[in-house]
Amino acid sequence: MMIPNGSLITATPEEGRQLAMTMARLVIKATQPDEAVRSRLRDVYANDAMALLQVGQTVAIEFATIAAANGYWRT
């Protein structure tokens, strides 16, 4: 399941941010399902500034989607 609990709806922006991070991790896991390969690659991207910026961008895109689904938490 790519969307935990099957919903993008969260009670708060903080919960939305956590969901975005979880979803970004799930995308990486789905893209590279071999845990051993992911483990080997962690050291590579952990020391690559551009790779880290791309991780942040992936989370930001997921968060923007969640925020929109939640009406930007406006009531």
N, C-alpha and C. Protein backbone atom coordinates (compact mmCIF):
# COMPACT_ATOMS: atom_id res chain seq x y z
N MET A 1 0.85 -1.17 0.00
CA MET A 1 0.00 0.00 0.00
C MET A 1 0.90 1.24 0.00
N MET A 2 0.72 2.10 -0.97
CA MET A 2 1.56 3.28 -1.09
C MET A 2 1.05 4.45 -0.23
N ILE A 3 -0.21 4.43 0.15
CA ILE A 3 -0.76 5.47 1.03
C ILE A 3 -1.17 4.79 2.33
N PRO A 4 -0.39 5.01 3.40
CA PRO A 4 -0.73 4.37 4.68
C PRO A 4 -2.16 4.69 5.10
N ASN A 5 -2.87 3.70 5.56
CA ASN A 5 -4.27 3.81 5.98
C ASN A 5 -5.21 4.20 4.85
N GLY A 6 -4.70 4.25 3.61
CA GLY A 6 -5.54 4.51 2.45
C GLY A 6 -6.12 5.91 2.35
N SER A 7 -5.53 6.87 3.07
CA SER A 7 -6.08 8.23 3.05
C SER A 7 -4.98 9.27 3.17
N LEU A 8 -5.16 10.39 2.49
CA LEU A 8 -4.25 11.53 2.63
C LEU A 8 -4.73 12.51 3.69
N ILE A 9 -5.88 12.26 4.27
CA ILE A 9 -6.46 13.17 5.25
C ILE A 9 -5.74 13.02 6.59
N THR A 10 -5.27 14.14 7.13
CA THR A 10 -4.61 14.16 8.43
C THR A 10 -5.22 15.27 9.28
N ALA A 11 -5.08 15.15 10.59
CA ALA A 11 -5.68 16.13 11.49
C ALA A 11 -4.90 17.44 11.54
N THR A 12 -3.59 17.36 11.32
CA THR A 12 -2.75 18.56 11.46
C THR A 12 -1.69 18.59 10.36
N PRO A 13 -1.11 19.76 10.12
CA PRO A 13 0.00 19.83 9.18
C PRO A 13 1.18 18.95 9.61
N GLU A 14 1.45 18.85 10.90
CA GLU A 14 2.55 18.00 11.37
C GLU A 14 2.29 16.54 11.00
N GLU A 15 1.07 16.07 11.18
CA GLU A 15 0.74 14.71 10.75
C GLU A 15 0.88 14.57 9.24
N GLY A 16 0.53 15.62 8.52
CA GLY A 16 0.69 15.61 7.06
C GLY A 16 2.15 15.50 6.66
N ARG A 17 3.00 16.22 7.36
CA ARG A 17 4.44 16.17 7.08
C ARG A 17 4.99 14.76 7.35
N GLN A 18 4.56 14.16 8.44
CA GLN A 18 5.00 12.80 8.76
C GLN A 18 4.52 11.82 7.69
N LEU A 19 3.29 12.00 7.24
CA LEU A 19 2.76 11.15 6.18
C LEU A 19 3.57 11.33 4.90
N ALA A 20 3.94 12.56 4.58
CA ALA A 20 4.74 12.83 3.38
C ALA A 20 6.08 12.11 3.45
N MET A 21 6.71 12.13 4.62
CA MET A 21 7.99 11.45 4.78
C MET A 21 7.82 9.94 4.63
N THR A 22 6.76 9.40 5.20
CA THR A 22 6.48 7.97 5.07
C THR A 22 6.25 7.59 3.61
N MET A 23 5.48 8.41 2.92
CA MET A 23 5.19 8.13 1.51
C MET A 23 6.45 8.21 0.66
N ALA A 24 7.32 9.16 0.94
CA ALA A 24 8.58 9.26 0.20
C ALA A 24 9.42 8.01 0.40
N ARG A 25 9.47 7.51 1.64
CA ARG A 25 10.21 6.27 1.91
C ARG A 25 9.60 5.09 1.15
N LEU A 26 8.27 5.04 1.10
CA LEU A 26 7.61 3.95 0.39
C LEU A 26 7.89 4.00 -1.11
N VAL A 27 8.00 5.21 -1.67
CA VAL A 27 8.33 5.35 -3.09
C VAL A 27 9.73 4.79 -3.35
N ILE A 28 10.67 5.11 -2.47
CA ILE A 28 12.03 4.61 -2.64
C ILE A 28 12.04 3.08 -2.52
N LYS A 29 11.31 2.56 -1.55
CA LYS A 29 11.25 1.11 -1.36
C LYS A 29 10.61 0.41 -2.56
N ALA A 30 9.60 1.02 -3.13
CA ALA A 30 8.94 0.43 -4.31
C ALA A 30 9.86 0.50 -5.53
N THR A 31 10.63 1.58 -5.62
CA THR A 31 11.54 1.75 -6.75
C THR A 31 12.71 0.77 -6.68
N GLN A 32 13.22 0.56 -5.45
CA GLN A 32 14.33 -0.38 -5.24
C GLN A 32 13.91 -1.34 -4.13
N PRO A 33 13.22 -2.41 -4.48
CA PRO A 33 12.68 -3.31 -3.46
C PRO A 33 13.73 -4.16 -2.73
N ASP A 34 14.95 -4.24 -3.26
CA ASP A 34 15.99 -5.06 -2.63
C ASP A 34 16.61 -4.31 -1.45
N GLU A 35 16.33 -4.78 -0.23
CA GLU A 35 16.80 -4.10 0.97
C GLU A 35 18.32 -4.03 1.04
N ALA A 36 18.99 -5.06 0.59
CA ALA A 36 20.46 -5.07 0.61
C ALA A 36 21.02 -3.98 -0.29
N VAL A 37 20.42 -3.78 -1.44
CA VAL A 37 20.87 -2.72 -2.35
C VAL A 37 20.61 -1.35 -1.72
N ARG A 38 19.42 -1.17 -1.14
CA ARG A 38 19.12 0.12 -0.48
C ARG A 38 20.12 0.40 0.63
N SER A 39 20.46 -0.62 1.39
CA SER A 39 21.43 -0.44 2.48
C SER A 39 22.79 -0.02 1.94
N ARG A 40 23.22 -0.64 0.85
CA ARG A 40 24.52 -0.27 0.26
C ARG A 40 24.50 1.16 -0.27
N LEU A 41 23.37 1.58 -0.82
CA LEU A 41 23.28 2.91 -1.42
C LEU A 41 23.15 4.03 -0.40
N ARG A 42 22.70 3.72 0.81
CA ARG A 42 22.50 4.77 1.81
C ARG A 42 23.75 5.60 2.05
N ASP A 43 24.90 4.95 2.16
CA ASP A 43 26.14 5.68 2.40
C ASP A 43 26.47 6.60 1.22
N VAL A 44 26.13 6.15 0.02
CA VAL A 44 26.40 6.97 -1.17
C VAL A 44 25.58 8.24 -1.12
N TYR A 45 24.25 8.12 -0.99
CA TYR A 45 23.43 9.33 -1.03
C TYR A 45 23.51 10.14 0.26
N ALA A 46 23.86 9.51 1.37
CA ALA A 46 23.99 10.25 2.62
C ALA A 46 25.15 11.24 2.57
N ASN A 47 26.09 11.02 1.67
CA ASN A 47 27.25 11.89 1.54
C ASN A 47 27.23 12.70 0.25
N ASP A 48 26.09 12.79 -0.39
CA ASP A 48 25.94 13.51 -1.65
C ASP A 48 24.91 14.61 -1.46
N ALA A 49 25.38 15.86 -1.43
CA ALA A 49 24.48 16.99 -1.16
C ALA A 49 23.32 17.06 -2.15
N MET A 50 23.57 16.80 -3.42
CA MET A 50 22.49 16.86 -4.42
C MET A 50 21.46 15.76 -4.17
N ALA A 51 21.91 14.58 -3.80
CA ALA A 51 20.97 13.50 -3.51
C ALA A 51 20.11 13.86 -2.31
N LEU A 52 20.71 14.45 -1.30
CA LEU A 52 19.94 14.85 -0.12
C LEU A 52 18.92 15.93 -0.46
N LEU A 53 19.30 16.87 -1.32
CA LEU A 53 18.34 17.90 -1.75
C LEU A 53 17.18 17.27 -2.53
N GLN A 54 17.47 16.25 -3.32
CA GLN A 54 16.41 15.58 -4.07
C GLN A 54 15.47 14.83 -3.15
N VAL A 55 15.99 14.28 -2.07
CA VAL A 55 15.14 13.63 -1.07
C VAL A 55 14.17 14.67 -0.49
N GLY A 56 14.72 15.83 -0.12
CA GLY A 56 13.88 16.90 0.41
C GLY A 56 12.82 17.33 -0.58
N GLN A 57 13.17 17.38 -1.85
CA GLN A 57 12.22 17.76 -2.88
C GLN A 57 11.11 16.72 -3.01
N THR A 58 11.46 15.46 -2.92
CA THR A 58 10.46 14.39 -2.99
C THR A 58 9.47 14.50 -1.84
N VAL A 59 9.98 14.74 -0.63
CA VAL A 59 9.10 14.90 0.53
C VAL A 59 8.21 16.14 0.34
N ALA A 60 8.79 17.22 -0.17
CA ALA A 60 8.01 18.45 -0.38
C ALA A 60 6.87 18.23 -1.36
N ILE A 61 7.11 17.48 -2.41
CA ILE A 61 6.06 17.19 -3.39
C ILE A 61 4.95 16.36 -2.75
N GLU A 62 5.34 15.35 -1.98
CA GLU A 62 4.33 14.54 -1.28
C GLU A 62 3.53 15.41 -0.30
N PHE A 63 4.23 16.30 0.43
CA PHE A 63 3.55 17.17 1.40
C PHE A 63 2.59 18.11 0.70
N ALA A 64 2.97 18.66 -0.44
CA ALA A 64 2.08 19.56 -1.18
C ALA A 64 0.80 18.83 -1.59
N THR A 65 0.93 17.58 -2.00
CA THR A 65 -0.24 16.77 -2.37
C THR A 65 -1.15 16.55 -1.16
N ILE A 66 -0.54 16.21 -0.02
CA ILE A 66 -1.31 15.98 1.20
C ILE A 66 -1.98 17.26 1.68
N ALA A 67 -1.24 18.37 1.63
CA ALA A 67 -1.79 19.66 2.05
C ALA A 67 -3.01 20.03 1.20
N ALA A 68 -2.90 19.84 -0.10
CA ALA A 68 -4.03 20.14 -0.99
C ALA A 68 -5.23 19.26 -0.66
N ALA A 69 -4.98 17.97 -0.41
CA ALA A 69 -6.06 17.05 -0.08
C ALA A 69 -6.75 17.45 1.22
N ASN A 70 -6.03 18.12 2.11
CA ASN A 70 -6.57 18.54 3.39
C ASN A 70 -7.07 19.98 3.38
N GLY A 71 -7.19 20.55 2.18
CA GLY A 71 -7.64 21.93 2.09
C GLY A 71 -6.71 22.86 2.86
N TYR A 72 -5.43 22.49 2.90
CA TYR A 72 -4.42 23.26 3.61
C TYR A 72 -4.80 23.49 5.06
N TRP A 73 -5.55 22.53 5.62
CA TRP A 73 -5.96 22.51 7.02
C TRP A 73 -6.76 23.74 7.43
N ARG A 74 -7.44 24.31 6.45
CA ARG A 74 -8.35 25.43 6.75
C ARG A 74 -9.74 24.87 7.03
N THR A 75 -10.39 25.43 8.00
CA THR A 75 -11.75 24.95 8.30
C THR A 75 -12.78 25.96 7.88
